[in-house]
């Protein structure tokens, strides 16, 4: 496939679509290696060397995919799906401020609105801006659909932790209870909920 695309690229004098297909094809070996590494880690998660390999592969894939989607957005500025995917890669490679700007440009796009709000929340959390993270996470909850269960659980988890860190344990417990009602085994939410409830109880009795 690569040979055919390379020949086509030469014959068409670097046609954009063929160049982009070739760029995507170049990422495939890294994706396959990542799938193999993750399969091995599922069988034996306590392998530091394999974990490091996985991290390097994820970083390489994110960097290459970011370049891929940048090129698409540069060529097709109104392609909101490509812009959304670019925003996620920006976030993953740590270019948070640029990711925020791109995500905010998509806030009113109905195809991406709920997920845009979720990822804006993640971005502001990474910048230690709890108030803006809170606003976006809570708005996201109002827009997430019935097929967004995993995102909903993660948003509830992030909100409960954020409220606890900001000192509002009562609100944190309420959100933790809502999450536990959906999935009691989600991450460490049951332990956190017990911890926050115990702290609240101590405050009431003192």
N, C-alpha and C. Protein backbone atom coordinates (compact mmCIF):
# COMPACT_ATOMS: atom_id res chain seq x y z
N UNK A 1 0.83 -1.20 0.00
CA UNK A 1 0.00 0.00 0.00
C UNK A 1 0.87 1.26 0.00
N UNK A 2 1.96 1.19 0.77
CA UNK A 2 2.83 2.36 0.83
C UNK A 2 3.49 2.63 -0.52
N UNK A 3 3.88 1.55 -1.19
CA UNK A 3 4.52 1.70 -2.49
C UNK A 3 3.57 2.32 -3.50
N UNK A 4 2.32 1.86 -3.49
CA UNK A 4 1.31 2.40 -4.41
C UNK A 4 1.07 3.88 -4.13
N UNK A 5 0.94 4.24 -2.84
CA UNK A 5 0.70 5.64 -2.48
C UNK A 5 1.89 6.52 -2.85
N UNK A 6 3.10 6.00 -2.64
CA UNK A 6 4.29 6.77 -2.98
C UNK A 6 4.35 7.05 -4.48
N UNK A 7 4.03 6.03 -5.27
CA UNK A 7 4.01 6.21 -6.72
C UNK A 7 2.93 7.23 -7.12
N UNK A 8 1.77 7.12 -6.46
CA UNK A 8 0.69 8.06 -6.74
C UNK A 8 1.05 9.48 -6.37
N UNK A 9 1.80 9.62 -5.28
CA UNK A 9 2.22 10.95 -4.82
C UNK A 9 3.14 11.61 -5.86
N UNK A 10 4.05 10.81 -6.40
CA UNK A 10 4.96 11.34 -7.42
C UNK A 10 4.20 11.69 -8.69
N UNK A 11 3.30 10.79 -9.09
CA UNK A 11 2.55 10.99 -10.34
C UNK A 11 1.63 12.21 -10.27
N UNK A 12 1.13 12.50 -9.07
CA UNK A 12 0.16 13.61 -8.93
C UNK A 12 0.81 14.88 -8.39
N UNK A 13 2.16 14.88 -8.35
CA UNK A 13 2.89 16.06 -7.85
C UNK A 13 2.46 16.46 -6.45
N UNK A 14 2.54 15.47 -5.53
CA UNK A 14 2.25 15.68 -4.10
C UNK A 14 0.80 16.08 -3.85
N UNK A 15 -0.11 15.32 -4.43
CA UNK A 15 -1.54 15.58 -4.19
C UNK A 15 -1.82 15.48 -2.69
N UNK A 16 -2.58 16.43 -2.17
CA UNK A 16 -2.77 16.55 -0.71
C UNK A 16 -3.38 15.28 -0.12
N UNK A 17 -4.45 14.76 -0.71
CA UNK A 17 -5.13 13.60 -0.14
C UNK A 17 -4.22 12.37 -0.09
N UNK A 18 -3.41 12.19 -1.13
CA UNK A 18 -2.49 11.05 -1.15
C UNK A 18 -1.39 11.23 -0.10
N UNK A 19 -0.89 12.45 0.02
CA UNK A 19 0.13 12.73 1.03
C UNK A 19 -0.40 12.46 2.44
N UNK A 20 -1.66 12.80 2.66
CA UNK A 20 -2.26 12.59 3.97
C UNK A 20 -2.48 11.09 4.24
N UNK A 21 -2.91 10.37 3.20
CA UNK A 21 -3.07 8.92 3.35
C UNK A 21 -1.73 8.26 3.68
N UNK A 22 -0.69 8.73 3.04
CA UNK A 22 0.64 8.19 3.29
C UNK A 22 1.10 8.48 4.72
N UNK A 23 0.79 9.69 5.20
CA UNK A 23 1.15 10.07 6.58
C UNK A 23 0.43 9.18 7.58
N UNK A 24 -0.85 8.89 7.31
CA UNK A 24 -1.62 8.03 8.20
C UNK A 24 -1.08 6.60 8.17
N UNK A 25 -0.70 6.15 6.98
CA UNK A 25 -0.16 4.81 6.84
C UNK A 25 1.15 4.66 7.62
N UNK A 26 1.94 5.73 7.68
CA UNK A 26 3.21 5.70 8.41
C UNK A 26 3.01 5.55 9.92
N UNK A 27 1.82 5.88 10.40
CA UNK A 27 1.55 5.77 11.84
C UNK A 27 1.17 4.34 12.22
N UNK A 28 0.69 3.57 11.25
CA UNK A 28 0.15 2.23 11.53
C UNK A 28 1.11 1.30 12.26
N UNK A 29 2.39 1.24 11.90
CA UNK A 29 3.29 0.34 12.65
C UNK A 29 3.35 0.67 14.14
N UNK A 30 3.28 1.96 14.48
CA UNK A 30 3.30 2.37 15.89
C UNK A 30 2.00 1.95 16.58
N UNK A 31 0.89 2.06 15.87
CA UNK A 31 -0.39 1.64 16.44
C UNK A 31 -0.41 0.14 16.70
N UNK A 32 0.15 -0.62 15.76
CA UNK A 32 0.20 -2.08 15.96
C UNK A 32 1.09 -2.44 17.13
N UNK A 33 2.24 -1.78 17.23
CA UNK A 33 3.15 -2.03 18.36
C UNK A 33 2.48 -1.67 19.69
N UNK A 34 1.71 -0.59 19.68
CA UNK A 34 1.01 -0.18 20.90
C UNK A 34 -0.03 -1.22 21.30
N UNK A 35 -0.77 -1.74 20.31
CA UNK A 35 -1.78 -2.77 20.60
C UNK A 35 -1.12 -4.01 21.19
N UNK A 36 0.04 -4.39 20.67
CA UNK A 36 0.77 -5.55 21.21
C UNK A 36 1.25 -5.29 22.64
N UNK A 37 1.78 -4.08 22.87
CA UNK A 37 2.27 -3.74 24.21
C UNK A 37 1.13 -3.74 25.22
N UNK A 38 -0.01 -3.21 24.83
CA UNK A 38 -1.15 -3.16 25.75
C UNK A 38 -1.70 -4.56 26.02
N UNK A 39 -1.68 -5.41 25.01
CA UNK A 39 -2.13 -6.80 25.21
C UNK A 39 -1.23 -7.52 26.21
N UNK A 40 0.08 -7.30 26.09
CA UNK A 40 1.02 -7.92 27.03
C UNK A 40 0.84 -7.35 28.44
N UNK A 41 0.58 -6.04 28.53
CA UNK A 41 0.39 -5.43 29.85
C UNK A 41 -0.89 -5.92 30.52
N UNK A 42 -1.90 -6.22 29.74
CA UNK A 42 -3.13 -6.77 30.33
C UNK A 42 -2.86 -8.13 30.96
N UNK A 43 -1.97 -8.90 30.34
CA UNK A 43 -1.63 -10.21 30.89
C UNK A 43 -0.69 -10.10 32.08
N UNK A 44 0.20 -9.11 32.02
CA UNK A 44 1.19 -8.94 33.10
C UNK A 44 1.45 -7.45 33.29
N UNK A 45 0.61 -6.77 34.09
CA UNK A 45 0.71 -5.31 34.22
C UNK A 45 1.95 -4.81 34.96
N UNK A 46 2.62 -5.68 35.69
CA UNK A 46 3.77 -5.26 36.50
C UNK A 46 5.08 -5.41 35.73
N UNK A 47 5.17 -4.73 34.61
CA UNK A 47 6.39 -4.74 33.80
C UNK A 47 6.81 -3.30 33.50
N UNK A 48 7.67 -2.72 34.34
CA UNK A 48 8.07 -1.31 34.16
C UNK A 48 8.62 -1.01 32.77
N UNK A 49 9.43 -1.93 32.24
CA UNK A 49 10.03 -1.70 30.92
C UNK A 49 8.96 -1.63 29.84
N UNK A 50 7.99 -2.52 29.94
CA UNK A 50 6.90 -2.54 28.96
C UNK A 50 6.02 -1.30 29.10
N UNK A 51 5.84 -0.84 30.33
CA UNK A 51 5.08 0.39 30.55
C UNK A 51 5.77 1.59 29.92
N UNK A 52 7.09 1.61 30.01
CA UNK A 52 7.86 2.70 29.39
C UNK A 52 7.75 2.65 27.87
N UNK A 53 7.79 1.44 27.32
CA UNK A 53 7.63 1.28 25.87
C UNK A 53 6.27 1.79 25.44
N UNK A 54 5.24 1.44 26.21
CA UNK A 54 3.89 1.89 25.90
C UNK A 54 3.82 3.42 25.91
N UNK A 55 4.41 4.04 26.92
CA UNK A 55 4.39 5.50 27.02
C UNK A 55 5.08 6.15 25.83
N UNK A 56 6.22 5.58 25.40
CA UNK A 56 6.94 6.13 24.25
C UNK A 56 6.10 6.00 22.98
N UNK A 57 5.43 4.87 22.82
CA UNK A 57 4.59 4.65 21.64
C UNK A 57 3.41 5.62 21.62
N UNK A 58 2.77 5.80 22.77
CA UNK A 58 1.64 6.74 22.86
C UNK A 58 2.10 8.14 22.48
N UNK A 59 3.25 8.54 23.01
CA UNK A 59 3.79 9.87 22.72
C UNK A 59 4.08 10.05 21.23
N UNK A 60 4.67 9.03 20.63
CA UNK A 60 4.99 9.09 19.20
C UNK A 60 3.72 9.16 18.35
N UNK A 61 2.74 8.34 18.70
CA UNK A 61 1.48 8.32 17.94
C UNK A 61 0.76 9.66 18.07
N UNK A 62 0.68 10.19 19.29
CA UNK A 62 0.01 11.48 19.50
C UNK A 62 0.69 12.58 18.69
N UNK A 63 2.02 12.58 18.67
CA UNK A 63 2.76 13.60 17.94
C UNK A 63 2.49 13.50 16.44
N UNK A 64 2.52 12.29 15.91
CA UNK A 64 2.28 12.09 14.48
C UNK A 64 0.83 12.39 14.11
N UNK A 65 -0.10 11.99 14.97
CA UNK A 65 -1.51 12.28 14.68
C UNK A 65 -1.80 13.77 14.78
N UNK A 66 -1.12 14.45 15.68
CA UNK A 66 -1.28 15.90 15.77
C UNK A 66 -0.86 16.55 14.46
N UNK A 67 0.27 16.13 13.92
CA UNK A 67 0.72 16.67 12.64
C UNK A 67 -0.29 16.36 11.54
N UNK A 68 -0.83 15.15 11.55
CA UNK A 68 -1.83 14.74 10.55
C UNK A 68 -3.05 15.66 10.59
N UNK A 69 -3.60 15.87 11.79
CA UNK A 69 -4.82 16.68 11.90
C UNK A 69 -4.55 18.17 11.70
N UNK A 70 -3.35 18.63 12.04
CA UNK A 70 -2.99 20.03 11.74
C UNK A 70 -3.06 20.27 10.23
N UNK A 71 -2.52 19.32 9.49
CA UNK A 71 -2.52 19.46 8.04
C UNK A 71 -3.94 19.46 7.49
N UNK A 72 -4.79 18.63 8.06
CA UNK A 72 -6.18 18.61 7.61
C UNK A 72 -6.87 19.94 7.91
N UNK A 73 -6.65 20.44 9.12
CA UNK A 73 -7.30 21.70 9.53
C UNK A 73 -6.77 22.87 8.70
N UNK A 74 -5.47 22.88 8.43
CA UNK A 74 -4.91 23.95 7.60
C UNK A 74 -5.53 23.94 6.21
N UNK A 75 -5.78 22.74 5.70
CA UNK A 75 -6.34 22.63 4.35
C UNK A 75 -7.85 22.84 4.35
N UNK A 76 -8.52 22.35 5.40
CA UNK A 76 -9.99 22.43 5.49
C UNK A 76 -10.38 23.07 6.82
N UNK A 77 -10.30 24.38 6.94
CA UNK A 77 -10.55 25.06 8.22
C UNK A 77 -11.96 24.83 8.79
N UNK A 78 -12.92 24.50 7.96
CA UNK A 78 -14.29 24.30 8.45
C UNK A 78 -14.58 22.85 8.83
N UNK A 79 -13.58 21.99 8.73
CA UNK A 79 -13.74 20.58 9.11
C UNK A 79 -13.67 20.49 10.64
N UNK A 80 -14.82 20.56 11.29
CA UNK A 80 -14.82 20.60 12.76
C UNK A 80 -14.42 19.28 13.39
N UNK A 81 -14.65 18.18 12.69
CA UNK A 81 -14.22 16.89 13.23
C UNK A 81 -12.70 16.82 13.30
N UNK A 82 -12.03 17.27 12.24
CA UNK A 82 -10.56 17.29 12.25
C UNK A 82 -10.05 18.26 13.31
N UNK A 83 -10.73 19.38 13.48
CA UNK A 83 -10.32 20.37 14.49
C UNK A 83 -10.48 19.78 15.90
N UNK A 84 -11.56 19.06 16.11
CA UNK A 84 -11.78 18.42 17.41
C UNK A 84 -10.68 17.39 17.69
N UNK A 85 -10.39 16.55 16.70
CA UNK A 85 -9.33 15.54 16.88
C UNK A 85 -7.98 16.20 17.11
N UNK A 86 -7.72 17.30 16.42
CA UNK A 86 -6.47 18.03 16.64
C UNK A 86 -6.41 18.56 18.07
N UNK A 87 -7.53 19.06 18.57
CA UNK A 87 -7.59 19.59 19.93
C UNK A 87 -7.23 18.52 20.96
N UNK A 88 -7.73 17.30 20.75
CA UNK A 88 -7.43 16.21 21.69
C UNK A 88 -5.93 15.88 21.68
N UNK A 89 -5.33 15.88 20.49
CA UNK A 89 -3.89 15.60 20.42
C UNK A 89 -3.08 16.73 21.05
N UNK A 90 -3.53 17.95 20.87
CA UNK A 90 -2.85 19.07 21.53
C UNK A 90 -2.86 18.88 23.05
N UNK A 91 -4.01 18.46 23.56
CA UNK A 91 -4.14 18.23 25.00
C UNK A 91 -3.21 17.10 25.44
N UNK A 92 -3.17 16.03 24.66
CA UNK A 92 -2.36 14.86 25.03
C UNK A 92 -0.87 15.15 25.02
N UNK A 93 -0.42 16.02 24.11
CA UNK A 93 1.02 16.32 24.05
C UNK A 93 1.40 17.46 24.96
N UNK A 94 0.43 17.99 25.72
CA UNK A 94 0.73 19.01 26.71
C UNK A 94 0.64 20.44 26.24
N UNK A 95 0.12 20.66 25.03
CA UNK A 95 -0.05 22.03 24.54
C UNK A 95 -1.45 22.52 24.95
N UNK A 96 -1.59 22.72 26.25
CA UNK A 96 -2.90 22.92 26.85
C UNK A 96 -3.57 24.23 26.42
N UNK A 97 -2.83 25.31 26.41
CA UNK A 97 -3.44 26.60 26.06
C UNK A 97 -3.97 26.60 24.63
N UNK A 98 -3.21 26.01 23.71
CA UNK A 98 -3.69 25.93 22.33
C UNK A 98 -4.89 25.00 22.23
N UNK A 99 -4.86 23.91 23.00
CA UNK A 99 -6.00 22.99 23.01
C UNK A 99 -7.26 23.70 23.50
N UNK A 100 -7.13 24.53 24.54
CA UNK A 100 -8.28 25.27 25.06
C UNK A 100 -8.85 26.20 23.99
N UNK A 101 -7.98 26.92 23.30
CA UNK A 101 -8.46 27.84 22.25
C UNK A 101 -9.22 27.09 21.16
N UNK A 102 -8.68 25.96 20.75
CA UNK A 102 -9.33 25.19 19.69
C UNK A 102 -10.65 24.59 20.17
N UNK A 103 -10.66 24.07 21.37
CA UNK A 103 -11.89 23.49 21.92
C UNK A 103 -12.97 24.54 22.09
N UNK A 104 -12.58 25.71 22.56
CA UNK A 104 -13.57 26.78 22.76
C UNK A 104 -14.19 27.22 21.44
N UNK A 105 -13.44 27.09 20.35
CA UNK A 105 -14.00 27.45 19.04
C UNK A 105 -15.07 26.46 18.59
N UNK A 106 -15.14 25.30 19.28
CA UNK A 106 -16.11 24.26 18.91
C UNK A 106 -17.26 24.13 19.91
N UNK A 107 -17.32 25.03 20.87
CA UNK A 107 -18.31 24.90 21.95
C UNK A 107 -19.75 24.83 21.46
N UNK A 108 -20.04 25.54 20.38
CA UNK A 108 -21.42 25.60 19.90
C UNK A 108 -21.72 24.59 18.80
N UNK A 109 -20.74 23.77 18.46
CA UNK A 109 -20.96 22.74 17.43
C UNK A 109 -21.73 21.58 18.06
N UNK A 110 -22.98 21.33 17.65
CA UNK A 110 -23.79 20.31 18.32
C UNK A 110 -23.22 18.90 18.20
N UNK A 111 -22.40 18.65 17.17
CA UNK A 111 -21.83 17.30 17.00
C UNK A 111 -20.76 17.00 18.04
N UNK A 112 -20.15 18.03 18.58
CA UNK A 112 -19.02 17.81 19.49
C UNK A 112 -19.20 18.49 20.85
N UNK A 113 -20.29 19.19 21.05
CA UNK A 113 -20.41 20.08 22.21
C UNK A 113 -20.17 19.38 23.54
N UNK A 114 -20.81 18.24 23.77
CA UNK A 114 -20.68 17.60 25.08
C UNK A 114 -19.24 17.18 25.35
N UNK A 115 -18.58 16.56 24.36
CA UNK A 115 -17.20 16.12 24.55
C UNK A 115 -16.25 17.30 24.64
N UNK A 116 -16.53 18.36 23.89
CA UNK A 116 -15.71 19.58 23.97
C UNK A 116 -15.71 20.10 25.40
N UNK A 117 -16.89 20.15 26.02
CA UNK A 117 -17.00 20.64 27.39
C UNK A 117 -16.23 19.75 28.37
N UNK A 118 -16.31 18.44 28.16
CA UNK A 118 -15.57 17.51 29.02
C UNK A 118 -14.07 17.78 28.92
N UNK A 119 -13.56 17.88 27.70
CA UNK A 119 -12.12 18.04 27.53
C UNK A 119 -11.65 19.43 27.93
N UNK A 120 -12.51 20.42 27.82
CA UNK A 120 -12.17 21.73 28.37
C UNK A 120 -12.01 21.62 29.88
N UNK A 121 -12.89 20.82 30.50
CA UNK A 121 -12.75 20.59 31.94
C UNK A 121 -11.40 19.98 32.28
N UNK A 122 -10.99 18.96 31.50
CA UNK A 122 -9.68 18.33 31.73
C UNK A 122 -8.55 19.35 31.56
N UNK A 123 -8.66 20.18 30.52
CA UNK A 123 -7.62 21.16 30.27
C UNK A 123 -7.48 22.14 31.43
N UNK A 124 -8.61 22.64 31.92
CA UNK A 124 -8.54 23.60 33.02
C UNK A 124 -8.10 22.93 34.33
N UNK A 125 -8.44 21.65 34.50
CA UNK A 125 -7.93 20.92 35.67
C UNK A 125 -6.41 20.83 35.60
N UNK A 126 -5.87 20.57 34.40
CA UNK A 126 -4.43 20.45 34.26
C UNK A 126 -3.73 21.79 34.49
N UNK A 127 -4.47 22.88 34.30
CA UNK A 127 -3.91 24.21 34.57
C UNK A 127 -4.20 24.67 36.00
N UNK A 128 -4.76 23.77 36.82
CA UNK A 128 -5.09 24.05 38.22
C UNK A 128 -6.10 25.19 38.36
N UNK A 129 -7.00 25.31 37.40
CA UNK A 129 -8.07 26.30 37.47
C UNK A 129 -9.37 25.55 37.73
N UNK A 130 -9.65 25.31 39.03
CA UNK A 130 -10.79 24.50 39.40
C UNK A 130 -12.11 25.15 39.00
N UNK A 131 -12.23 26.46 39.14
CA UNK A 131 -13.51 27.11 38.85
C UNK A 131 -13.93 26.93 37.39
N UNK A 132 -12.97 27.09 36.48
CA UNK A 132 -13.31 26.91 35.06
C UNK A 132 -13.50 25.43 34.72
N UNK A 133 -12.73 24.57 35.35
CA UNK A 133 -12.93 23.13 35.15
C UNK A 133 -14.32 22.72 35.61
N UNK A 134 -14.70 23.20 36.79
CA UNK A 134 -16.02 22.91 37.34
C UNK A 134 -17.14 23.36 36.41
N UNK A 135 -17.03 24.57 35.91
CA UNK A 135 -18.08 25.11 35.03
C UNK A 135 -18.26 24.25 33.79
N UNK A 136 -17.14 23.83 33.20
CA UNK A 136 -17.23 23.03 31.98
C UNK A 136 -17.70 21.61 32.25
N UNK A 137 -17.22 21.00 33.33
CA UNK A 137 -17.66 19.66 33.67
C UNK A 137 -19.16 19.64 33.97
N UNK A 138 -19.64 20.61 34.73
CA UNK A 138 -21.06 20.63 35.09
C UNK A 138 -21.95 20.90 33.88
N UNK A 139 -21.46 21.76 32.99
CA UNK A 139 -22.22 22.01 31.76
C UNK A 139 -22.23 20.75 30.89
N UNK A 140 -21.11 20.03 30.89
CA UNK A 140 -21.02 18.80 30.09
C UNK A 140 -22.06 17.78 30.55
N UNK A 141 -22.28 17.66 31.86
CA UNK A 141 -23.26 16.71 32.38
C UNK A 141 -24.65 16.95 31.80
N UNK A 142 -24.96 18.20 31.51
CA UNK A 142 -26.28 18.54 30.97
C UNK A 142 -26.41 18.14 29.50
N UNK A 143 -25.29 17.92 28.83
CA UNK A 143 -25.33 17.66 27.38
C UNK A 143 -24.95 16.23 27.00
N UNK A 144 -24.35 15.48 27.93
CA UNK A 144 -23.95 14.11 27.60
C UNK A 144 -25.18 13.25 27.30
N UNK A 145 -25.06 12.42 26.28
CA UNK A 145 -26.18 11.59 25.85
C UNK A 145 -26.21 10.23 26.53
N UNK A 146 -27.20 9.42 26.19
CA UNK A 146 -27.35 8.09 26.83
C UNK A 146 -26.22 7.13 26.50
N UNK A 147 -25.47 7.40 25.44
CA UNK A 147 -24.36 6.52 25.07
C UNK A 147 -23.01 7.00 25.60
N UNK A 148 -23.05 8.00 26.46
CA UNK A 148 -21.81 8.59 26.99
C UNK A 148 -21.56 8.19 28.44
N UNK A 149 -21.89 6.95 28.78
CA UNK A 149 -21.80 6.52 30.17
C UNK A 149 -20.39 6.64 30.75
N UNK A 150 -19.39 6.24 29.99
CA UNK A 150 -18.02 6.28 30.52
C UNK A 150 -17.56 7.71 30.75
N UNK A 151 -17.89 8.60 29.81
CA UNK A 151 -17.53 10.00 30.01
C UNK A 151 -18.27 10.59 31.20
N UNK A 152 -19.56 10.23 31.35
CA UNK A 152 -20.34 10.73 32.48
C UNK A 152 -19.70 10.31 33.79
N UNK A 153 -19.28 9.06 33.88
CA UNK A 153 -18.65 8.57 35.12
C UNK A 153 -17.35 9.32 35.41
N UNK A 154 -16.56 9.55 34.36
CA UNK A 154 -15.30 10.25 34.57
C UNK A 154 -15.54 11.70 34.99
N UNK A 155 -16.55 12.34 34.41
CA UNK A 155 -16.86 13.72 34.79
C UNK A 155 -17.31 13.78 36.25
N UNK A 156 -18.15 12.85 36.66
CA UNK A 156 -18.59 12.81 38.06
C UNK A 156 -17.40 12.58 38.99
N UNK A 157 -16.48 11.73 38.56
CA UNK A 157 -15.28 11.46 39.35
C UNK A 157 -14.43 12.72 39.49
N UNK A 158 -14.22 13.41 38.38
CA UNK A 158 -13.42 14.64 38.40
C UNK A 158 -14.09 15.71 39.25
N UNK A 159 -15.39 15.85 39.12
CA UNK A 159 -16.12 16.86 39.91
C UNK A 159 -16.07 16.56 41.40
N UNK A 160 -16.28 15.30 41.75
CA UNK A 160 -16.26 14.95 43.18
C UNK A 160 -14.89 15.22 43.78
N UNK A 161 -13.83 14.87 43.05
CA UNK A 161 -12.49 15.14 43.54
C UNK A 161 -12.22 16.64 43.64
N UNK A 162 -12.66 17.38 42.63
CA UNK A 162 -12.45 18.83 42.64
C UNK A 162 -13.14 19.51 43.79
N UNK A 163 -14.38 19.12 44.06
CA UNK A 163 -15.10 19.72 45.19
C UNK A 163 -14.44 19.36 46.51
N UNK A 164 -13.97 18.11 46.62
CA UNK A 164 -13.29 17.71 47.86
C UNK A 164 -12.01 18.53 48.07
N UNK A 165 -11.25 18.71 46.99
CA UNK A 165 -10.00 19.47 47.09
C UNK A 165 -10.26 20.94 47.42
N UNK A 166 -11.41 21.44 46.99
CA UNK A 166 -11.73 22.85 47.27
C UNK A 166 -12.42 23.04 48.62
N UNK A 167 -12.66 21.93 49.34
CA UNK A 167 -13.20 22.02 50.70
C UNK A 167 -14.69 21.79 50.81
N UNK A 168 -15.39 21.56 49.69
CA UNK A 168 -16.84 21.34 49.73
C UNK A 168 -17.10 19.84 49.76
N UNK A 169 -16.91 19.23 50.94
CA UNK A 169 -17.03 17.78 51.05
C UNK A 169 -18.46 17.30 50.87
N UNK A 170 -19.43 18.10 51.27
CA UNK A 170 -20.83 17.70 51.13
C UNK A 170 -21.18 17.50 49.66
N UNK A 171 -20.76 18.46 48.83
CA UNK A 171 -21.02 18.34 47.39
C UNK A 171 -20.23 17.18 46.81
N UNK A 172 -19.00 16.99 47.29
CA UNK A 172 -18.17 15.88 46.81
C UNK A 172 -18.85 14.54 47.10
N UNK A 173 -19.42 14.41 48.29
CA UNK A 173 -20.10 13.16 48.66
C UNK A 173 -21.33 12.95 47.79
N UNK A 174 -22.09 14.01 47.53
CA UNK A 174 -23.28 13.89 46.69
C UNK A 174 -22.90 13.35 45.30
N UNK A 175 -21.87 13.91 44.73
CA UNK A 175 -21.44 13.49 43.39
C UNK A 175 -20.85 12.07 43.42
N UNK A 176 -20.11 11.76 44.49
CA UNK A 176 -19.56 10.42 44.64
C UNK A 176 -20.68 9.39 44.75
N UNK A 177 -21.74 9.75 45.48
CA UNK A 177 -22.89 8.84 45.60
C UNK A 177 -23.55 8.62 44.24
N UNK A 178 -23.66 9.69 43.47
CA UNK A 178 -24.26 9.58 42.14
C UNK A 178 -23.42 8.65 41.26
N UNK A 179 -22.10 8.80 41.35
CA UNK A 179 -21.21 7.94 40.57
C UNK A 179 -21.27 6.50 41.07
N UNK A 180 -21.24 6.32 42.38
CA UNK A 180 -21.29 4.96 42.94
C UNK A 180 -22.59 4.27 42.58
N UNK A 181 -23.65 5.04 42.44
CA UNK A 181 -24.93 4.46 42.03
C UNK A 181 -24.87 3.95 40.59
N UNK A 182 -24.03 4.58 39.78
CA UNK A 182 -23.85 4.12 38.40
C UNK A 182 -22.85 2.98 38.32
N UNK A 183 -21.75 3.10 39.09
CA UNK A 183 -20.68 2.11 39.02
C UNK A 183 -19.89 2.16 40.32
N UNK A 184 -20.24 1.30 41.27
CA UNK A 184 -19.63 1.33 42.60
C UNK A 184 -18.14 1.03 42.54
N UNK A 185 -17.71 0.29 41.53
CA UNK A 185 -16.31 -0.09 41.43
C UNK A 185 -15.48 0.84 40.58
N UNK A 186 -16.02 2.03 40.24
CA UNK A 186 -15.28 2.93 39.35
C UNK A 186 -14.07 3.52 40.09
N UNK A 187 -12.89 3.20 39.59
CA UNK A 187 -11.63 3.66 40.19
C UNK A 187 -11.68 3.46 41.70
N UNK A 188 -11.37 4.49 42.48
CA UNK A 188 -11.38 4.35 43.95
C UNK A 188 -12.50 5.17 44.58
N UNK A 189 -13.62 5.33 43.85
CA UNK A 189 -14.66 6.24 44.32
C UNK A 189 -15.31 5.76 45.61
N UNK A 190 -15.45 4.46 45.80
CA UNK A 190 -16.08 3.97 47.04
C UNK A 190 -15.22 4.31 48.25
N UNK A 191 -13.90 4.16 48.13
CA UNK A 191 -13.00 4.50 49.24
C UNK A 191 -13.00 6.00 49.50
N UNK A 192 -12.99 6.80 48.44
CA UNK A 192 -13.03 8.25 48.61
C UNK A 192 -14.34 8.69 49.27
N UNK A 193 -15.44 8.10 48.85
CA UNK A 193 -16.74 8.44 49.41
C UNK A 193 -16.77 8.15 50.91
N UNK A 194 -16.26 6.99 51.31
CA UNK A 194 -16.20 6.64 52.74
C UNK A 194 -15.33 7.62 53.51
N UNK A 195 -14.20 7.98 52.90
CA UNK A 195 -13.26 8.91 53.55
C UNK A 195 -13.91 10.28 53.75
N UNK A 196 -14.57 10.79 52.72
CA UNK A 196 -15.20 12.11 52.82
C UNK A 196 -16.37 12.10 53.80
N UNK A 197 -17.13 11.02 53.79
CA UNK A 197 -18.26 10.92 54.72
C UNK A 197 -17.77 10.87 56.17
N UNK A 198 -16.67 10.14 56.39
CA UNK A 198 -16.12 10.04 57.75
C UNK A 198 -15.63 11.41 58.21
N UNK A 199 -15.01 12.17 57.31
CA UNK A 199 -14.55 13.52 57.66
C UNK A 199 -15.72 14.43 57.99
N UNK A 200 -16.76 14.36 57.21
CA UNK A 200 -17.96 15.16 57.46
C UNK A 200 -18.57 14.81 58.81
N UNK A 201 -18.60 13.52 59.12
CA UNK A 201 -19.18 13.07 60.38
C UNK A 201 -18.38 13.60 61.56
N UNK A 202 -17.06 13.61 61.42
CA UNK A 202 -16.22 14.16 62.50
C UNK A 202 -16.49 15.64 62.72
N UNK A 203 -16.67 16.36 61.61
CA UNK A 203 -16.95 17.80 61.71
C UNK A 203 -18.26 18.03 62.43
N UNK A 204 -19.27 17.20 62.15
CA UNK A 204 -20.58 17.36 62.78
C UNK A 204 -20.55 17.08 64.28
N UNK A 205 -19.66 16.16 64.69
CA UNK A 205 -19.63 15.77 66.10
C UNK A 205 -18.68 16.59 66.94
N UNK A 206 -17.96 17.52 66.31
CA UNK A 206 -17.02 18.34 67.09
C UNK A 206 -17.63 19.71 67.36
